[in-house]
Amino acid sequence: MVTVAVLLLPGLGLLLFAMTCLEDRLFGDPAPPRHARRRHLRLLPGGGRGAGHGGGRSSERDAA
């Protein structure tokens, strides 16, 4: 009976360690997403010159 308890003790210790690590991973603070970058959006060139004329490229756009 004592030998069975002594043989099970390392397995139970490993199980306790694994469950602690799993619990920390599940209930811990989430890490920032891997795809998040500093400048995620790519802005159109000439967007800040004026509101309405579209950067002076009216000949390239169709007004349909």
PDB file of N, CA and C in Angstrom:
ATOM      1  N   MET A   1       0.826  -1.198   0.000  1.00  0.00           N
ATOM      2  CA  MET A   1       0.000   0.000   0.000  1.00  0.00           C
ATOM      3  C   MET A   1       0.871   1.263   0.000  1.00  0.00           C
ATOM      4  N   VAL A   2       1.903   1.264   0.777  1.00  0.00           N
ATOM      5  CA  VAL A   2       2.810   2.406   0.835  1.00  0.00           C
ATOM      6  C   VAL A   2       3.559   2.550  -0.484  1.00  0.00           C
ATOM      7  N   THR A   3       3.926   1.438  -1.106  1.00  0.00           N
ATOM      8  CA  THR A   3       4.644   1.507  -2.380  1.00  0.00           C
ATOM      9  C   THR A   3       3.772   2.107  -3.477  1.00  0.00           C
ATOM     10  N   VAL A   4       2.490   1.801  -3.475  1.00  0.00           N
ATOM     11  CA  VAL A   4       1.573   2.379  -4.464  1.00  0.00           C
ATOM     12  C   VAL A   4       1.466   3.886  -4.251  1.00  0.00           C
ATOM     13  N   ALA A   5       1.389   4.327  -3.007  1.00  0.00           N
ATOM     14  CA  ALA A   5       1.312   5.761  -2.713  1.00  0.00           C
ATOM     15  C   ALA A   5       2.595   6.470  -3.129  1.00  0.00           C
ATOM     16  N   VAL A   6       3.734   5.847  -2.889  1.00  0.00           N
ATOM     17  CA  VAL A   6       5.012   6.450  -3.260  1.00  0.00           C
ATOM     18  C   VAL A   6       5.152   6.515  -4.781  1.00  0.00           C
ATOM     19  N   LEU A   7       4.650   5.513  -5.487  1.00  0.00           N
ATOM     20  CA  LEU A   7       4.732   5.524  -6.949  1.00  0.00           C
ATOM     21  C   LEU A   7       3.755   6.514  -7.575  1.00  0.00           C
ATOM     22  N   LEU A   8       2.637   6.770  -6.939  1.00  0.00           N
ATOM     23  CA  LEU A   8       1.658   7.711  -7.481  1.00  0.00           C
ATOM     24  C   LEU A   8       2.001   9.160  -7.170  1.00  0.00           C
ATOM     25  N   LEU A   9       2.826   9.409  -6.191  1.00  0.00           N
ATOM     26  CA  LEU A   9       3.136  10.767  -5.773  1.00  0.00           C
ATOM     27  C   LEU A   9       3.769  11.619  -6.884  1.00  0.00           C
ATOM     28  N   PRO A  10       4.770  11.149  -7.635  1.00  0.00           N
ATOM     29  CA  PRO A  10       5.308  11.991  -8.734  1.00  0.00           C
ATOM     30  C   PRO A  10       4.281  12.262  -9.830  1.00  0.00           C
ATOM     31  N   GLY A  11       3.431  11.304 -10.129  1.00  0.00           N
ATOM     32  CA  GLY A  11       2.400  11.512 -11.146  1.00  0.00           C
ATOM     33  C   GLY A  11       1.396  12.564 -10.715  1.00  0.00           C
ATOM     34  N   LEU A  12       1.013  12.540  -9.457  1.00  0.00           N
ATOM     35  CA  LEU A  12       0.070  13.550  -8.967  1.00  0.00           C
ATOM     36  C   LEU A  12       0.717  14.927  -8.899  1.00  0.00           C
ATOM     37  N   GLY A  13       1.991  14.975  -8.563  1.00  0.00           N
ATOM     38  CA  GLY A  13       2.690  16.262  -8.569  1.00  0.00           C
ATOM     39  C   GLY A  13       2.778  16.843  -9.966  1.00  0.00           C
ATOM     40  N   LEU A  14       3.044  16.001 -10.952  1.00  0.00           N
ATOM     41  CA  LEU A  14       3.099  16.456 -12.344  1.00  0.00           C
ATOM     42  C   LEU A  14       1.725  16.920 -12.827  1.00  0.00           C
ATOM     43  N   LEU A  15       0.689  16.197 -12.428  1.00  0.00           N
ATOM     44  CA  LEU A  15      -0.674  16.591 -12.789  1.00  0.00           C
ATOM     45  C   LEU A  15      -1.037  17.934 -12.168  1.00  0.00           C
ATOM     46  N   LEU A  16      -0.655  18.148 -10.930  1.00  0.00           N
ATOM     47  CA  LEU A  16      -0.922  19.425 -10.267  1.00  0.00           C
ATOM     48  C   LEU A  16      -0.187  20.569 -10.958  1.00  0.00           C
ATOM     49  N   PHE A  17       1.067  20.342 -11.340  1.00  0.00           N
ATOM     50  CA  PHE A  17       1.838  21.364 -12.048  1.00  0.00           C
ATOM     51  C   PHE A  17       1.213  21.693 -13.403  1.00  0.00           C
ATOM     52  N   ALA A  18       0.798  20.658 -14.137  1.00  0.00           N
ATOM     53  CA  ALA A  18       0.192  20.871 -15.454  1.00  0.00           C
ATOM     54  C   ALA A  18      -1.129  21.629 -15.341  1.00  0.00           C
ATOM     55  N   MET A  19      -1.929  21.301 -14.338  1.00  0.00           N
ATOM     56  CA  MET A  19      -3.207  21.989 -14.170  1.00  0.00           C
ATOM     57  C   MET A  19      -2.996  23.444 -13.752  1.00  0.00           C
ATOM     58  N   THR A  20      -1.969  23.726 -12.970  1.00  0.00           N
ATOM     59  CA  THR A  20      -1.666  25.103 -12.581  1.00  0.00           C
ATOM     60  C   THR A  20      -1.259  25.922 -13.795  1.00  0.00           C
ATOM     61  N   CYS A  21      -0.415  25.347 -14.636  1.00  0.00           N
ATOM     62  CA  CYS A  21       0.000  26.065 -15.854  1.00  0.00           C
ATOM     63  C   CYS A  21      -1.183  26.297 -16.793  1.00  0.00           C
ATOM     64  N   LEU A  22      -2.041  25.308 -16.917  1.00  0.00           N
ATOM     65  CA  LEU A  22      -3.216  25.439 -17.779  1.00  0.00           C
ATOM     66  C   LEU A  22      -4.166  26.498 -17.241  1.00  0.00           C
ATOM     67  N   GLU A  23      -4.356  26.522 -15.937  1.00  0.00           N
ATOM     68  CA  GLU A  23      -5.240  27.510 -15.327  1.00  0.00           C
ATOM     69  C   GLU A  23      -4.685  28.919 -15.507  1.00  0.00           C
ATOM     70  N   ASP A  24      -3.371  29.093 -15.360  1.00  0.00           N
ATOM     71  CA  ASP A  24      -2.766  30.407 -15.577  1.00  0.00           C
ATOM     72  C   ASP A  24      -2.923  30.855 -17.016  1.00  0.00           C
ATOM     73  N   ARG A  25      -2.828  29.938 -17.938  1.00  0.00           N
ATOM     74  CA  ARG A  25      -2.964  30.287 -19.351  1.00  0.00           C
ATOM     75  C   ARG A  25      -4.404  30.646 -19.704  1.00  0.00           C
ATOM     76  N   LEU A  26      -5.367  29.949 -19.106  1.00  0.00           N
ATOM     77  CA  LEU A  26      -6.772  30.211 -19.429  1.00  0.00           C
ATOM     78  C   LEU A  26      -7.293  31.488 -18.789  1.00  0.00           C
ATOM     79  N   PHE A  27      -6.930  31.719 -17.532  1.00  0.00           N
ATOM     80  CA  PHE A  27      -7.508  32.827 -16.788  1.00  0.00           C
ATOM     81  C   PHE A  27      -6.573  34.019 -16.651  1.00  0.00           C
ATOM     82  N   GLY A  28      -5.433  33.999 -17.313  1.00  0.00           N
ATOM     83  CA  GLY A  28      -4.499  35.122 -17.263  1.00  0.00           C
ATOM     84  C   GLY A  28      -4.926  36.231 -18.201  1.00  0.00           C
ATOM     85  N   ASP A  29      -4.173  37.319 -18.166  1.00  0.00           N
ATOM     86  CA  ASP A  29      -4.451  38.436 -19.065  1.00  0.00           C
ATOM     87  C   ASP A  29      -4.115  38.030 -20.495  1.00  0.00           C
ATOM     88  N   PRO A  30      -4.982  38.350 -21.439  1.00  0.00           N
ATOM     89  CA  PRO A  30      -4.692  37.987 -22.830  1.00  0.00           C
ATOM     90  C   PRO A  30      -3.551  38.826 -23.383  1.00  0.00           C
ATOM     91  N   ALA A  31      -2.742  38.197 -24.186  1.00  0.00           N
ATOM     92  CA  ALA A  31      -1.635  38.892 -24.840  1.00  0.00           C
ATOM     93  C   ALA A  31      -2.178  39.697 -26.021  1.00  0.00           C
ATOM     94  N   PRO A  32      -1.476  40.733 -26.435  1.00  0.00           N
ATOM     95  CA  PRO A  32      -1.939  41.465 -27.611  1.00  0.00           C
ATOM     96  C   PRO A  32      -1.885  40.570 -28.846  1.00  0.00           C
ATOM     97  N   PRO A  33      -2.759  40.790 -29.795  1.00  0.00           N
ATOM     98  CA  PRO A  33      -2.760  39.955 -30.999  1.00  0.00           C
ATOM     99  C   PRO A  33      -1.443  40.048 -31.743  1.00  0.00           C
ATOM    100  N   ARG A  34      -1.066  38.959 -32.387  1.00  0.00           N
ATOM    101  CA  ARG A  34       0.203  38.924 -33.099  1.00  0.00           C
ATOM    102  C   ARG A  34       0.189  39.787 -34.349  1.00  0.00           C
ATOM    103  N   HIS A  35      -1.009  39.988 -34.939  1.00  0.00           N
ATOM    104  CA  HIS A  35      -1.086  40.750 -36.172  1.00  0.00           C
ATOM    105  C   HIS A  35      -1.170  42.253 -35.927  1.00  0.00           C
ATOM    106  N   ALA A  36      -1.259  42.684 -34.667  1.00  0.00           N
ATOM    107  CA  ALA A  36      -1.380  44.108 -34.374  1.00  0.00           C
ATOM    108  C   ALA A  36      -0.050  44.810 -34.645  1.00  0.00           C
ATOM    109  N   ARG A  37      -0.119  45.846 -35.427  1.00  0.00           N
ATOM    110  CA  ARG A  37       1.062  46.637 -35.756  1.00  0.00           C
ATOM    111  C   ARG A  37       0.827  48.069 -35.333  1.00  0.00           C
ATOM    112  N   ARG A  38       1.874  48.853 -35.378  1.00  0.00           N
ATOM    113  CA  ARG A  38       1.743  50.251 -35.000  1.00  0.00           C
ATOM    114  C   ARG A  38       0.906  51.013 -36.008  1.00  0.00           C
ATOM    115  N   ARG A  39       1.224  50.894 -37.280  1.00  0.00           N
ATOM    116  CA  ARG A  39       0.456  51.564 -38.328  1.00  0.00           C
ATOM    117  C   ARG A  39      -0.264  50.500 -39.133  1.00  0.00           C
ATOM    118  N   HIS A  40      -1.459  50.169 -38.706  1.00  0.00           N
ATOM    119  CA  HIS A  40      -2.190  49.090 -39.362  1.00  0.00           C
ATOM    120  C   HIS A  40      -2.872  49.565 -40.648  1.00  0.00           C
ATOM    121  N   LEU A  41      -3.408  50.777 -40.620  1.00  0.00           N
ATOM    122  CA  LEU A  41      -4.144  51.271 -41.778  1.00  0.00           C
ATOM    123  C   LEU A  41      -3.210  51.977 -42.747  1.00  0.00           C
ATOM    124  N   ARG A  42      -3.427  51.740 -44.017  1.00  0.00           N
ATOM    125  CA  ARG A  42      -2.662  52.446 -45.042  1.00  0.00           C
ATOM    126  C   ARG A  42      -3.559  53.546 -45.614  1.00  0.00           C
ATOM    127  N   LEU A  43      -3.127  54.756 -45.440  1.00  0.00           N
ATOM    128  CA  LEU A  43      -3.935  55.887 -45.882  1.00  0.00           C
ATOM    129  C   LEU A  43      -3.641  56.214 -47.336  1.00  0.00           C
ATOM    130  N   LEU A  44      -4.630  56.792 -47.986  1.00  0.00           N
ATOM    131  CA  LEU A  44      -4.461  57.201 -49.375  1.00  0.00           C
ATOM    132  C   LEU A  44      -3.574  58.439 -49.444  1.00  0.00           C
ATOM    133  N   PRO A  45      -2.689  58.500 -50.416  1.00  0.00           N
ATOM    134  CA  PRO A  45      -1.847  59.704 -50.531  1.00  0.00           C
ATOM    135  C   PRO A  45      -2.680  60.904 -50.953  1.00  0.00           C
ATOM    136  N   GLY A  46      -2.383  62.046 -50.398  1.00  0.00           N
ATOM    137  CA  GLY A  46      -3.084  63.275 -50.753  1.00  0.00           C
ATOM    138  C   GLY A  46      -4.411  63.435 -50.065  1.00  0.00           C
ATOM    139  N   GLY A  47      -4.685  62.670 -49.054  1.00  0.00           N
ATOM    140  CA  GLY A  47      -5.969  62.762 -48.373  1.00  0.00           C
ATOM    141  C   GLY A  47      -6.095  63.970 -47.475  1.00  0.00           C
ATOM    142  N   GLY A  48      -4.989  64.585 -47.073  1.00  0.00           N
ATOM    143  CA  GLY A  48      -5.057  65.702 -46.149  1.00  0.00           C
ATOM    144  C   GLY A  48      -4.996  67.061 -46.801  1.00  0.00           C
ATOM    145  N   ARG A  49      -4.930  67.133 -48.111  1.00  0.00           N
ATOM    146  CA  ARG A  49      -4.794  68.427 -48.801  1.00  0.00           C
ATOM    147  C   ARG A  49      -6.077  69.229 -48.773  1.00  0.00           C
ATOM    148  N   GLY A  50      -7.183  68.589 -48.965  1.00  0.00           N
ATOM    149  CA  GLY A  50      -8.450  69.309 -48.980  1.00  0.00           C
ATOM    150  C   GLY A  50      -9.602  68.331 -48.898  1.00  0.00           C
ATOM    151  N   ALA A  51     -10.718  68.803 -48.389  1.00  0.00           N
ATOM    152  CA  ALA A  51     -11.866  67.915 -48.236  1.00  0.00           C
ATOM    153  C   ALA A  51     -12.794  68.076 -49.434  1.00  0.00           C
ATOM    154  N   GLY A  52     -12.729  67.196 -50.378  1.00  0.00           N
ATOM    155  CA  GLY A  52     -13.688  67.262 -51.467  1.00  0.00           C
ATOM    156  C   GLY A  52     -13.093  67.093 -52.845  1.00  0.00           C
ATOM    157  N   HIS A  53     -11.865  67.515 -53.068  1.00  0.00           N
ATOM    158  CA  HIS A  53     -11.343  67.376 -54.422  1.00  0.00           C
ATOM    159  C   HIS A  53     -10.591  66.067 -54.622  1.00  0.00           C
ATOM    160  N   GLY A  54     -10.346  65.285 -53.600  1.00  0.00           N
ATOM    161  CA  GLY A  54      -9.782  63.951 -53.739  1.00  0.00           C
ATOM    162  C   GLY A  54      -8.338  63.912 -54.153  1.00  0.00           C
ATOM    163  N   GLY A  55      -7.585  64.920 -53.883  1.00  0.00           N
ATOM    164  CA  GLY A  55      -6.157  64.896 -54.186  1.00  0.00           C
ATOM    165  C   GLY A  55      -5.809  65.294 -55.611  1.00  0.00           C
ATOM    166  N   GLY A  56      -6.773  65.786 -56.386  1.00  0.00           N
ATOM    167  CA  GLY A  56      -6.469  66.247 -57.736  1.00  0.00           C
ATOM    168  C   GLY A  56      -6.390  65.140 -58.768  1.00  0.00           C
ATOM    169  N   ARG A  57      -6.916  63.999 -58.507  1.00  0.00           N
ATOM    170  CA  ARG A  57      -6.876  62.885 -59.451  1.00  0.00           C
ATOM    171  C   ARG A  57      -8.277  62.579 -59.978  1.00  0.00           C
ATOM    172  N   SER A  58      -8.996  63.596 -60.386  1.00  0.00           N
ATOM    173  CA  SER A  58     -10.365  63.384 -60.844  1.00  0.00           C
ATOM    174  C   SER A  58     -10.423  62.682 -62.200  1.00  0.00           C
ATOM    175  N   SER A  59      -9.351  62.761 -62.992  1.00  0.00           N
ATOM    176  CA  SER A  59      -9.388  62.143 -64.302  1.00  0.00           C
ATOM    177  C   SER A  59      -9.268  60.603 -64.211  1.00  0.00           C
ATOM    178  N   GLU A  60      -8.748  60.089 -63.097  1.00  0.00           N
ATOM    179  CA  GLU A  60      -8.596  58.645 -62.937  1.00  0.00           C
ATOM    180  C   GLU A  60      -9.853  57.982 -62.375  1.00  0.00           C
ATOM    181  N   ARG A  61     -10.801  58.776 -61.890  1.00  0.00           N
ATOM    182  CA  ARG A  61     -11.976  58.200 -61.245  1.00  0.00           C
ATOM    183  C   ARG A  61     -13.204  58.418 -62.115  1.00  0.00           C
ATOM    184  N   ASP A  62     -14.087  57.458 -62.061  1.00  0.00           N
ATOM    185  CA  ASP A  62     -15.331  57.538 -62.797  1.00  0.00           C
ATOM    186  C   ASP A  62     -16.408  58.009 -61.847  1.00  0.00           C
ATOM    187  N   ALA A  63     -17.197  58.983 -62.221  1.00  0.00           N
ATOM    188  CA  ALA A  63     -18.229  59.544 -61.355  1.00  0.00           C
ATOM    189  C   ALA A  63     -19.564  58.855 -61.528  1.00  0.00           C
ATOM    190  N   ALA A  64     -19.585  57.614 -61.930  1.00  0.00           N
ATOM    191  CA  ALA A  64     -20.830  56.895 -62.142  1.00  0.00           C
ATOM    192  C   ALA A  64     -21.430  56.604 -60.805  1.00  0.00           C
TER     193      ALA A  64
END
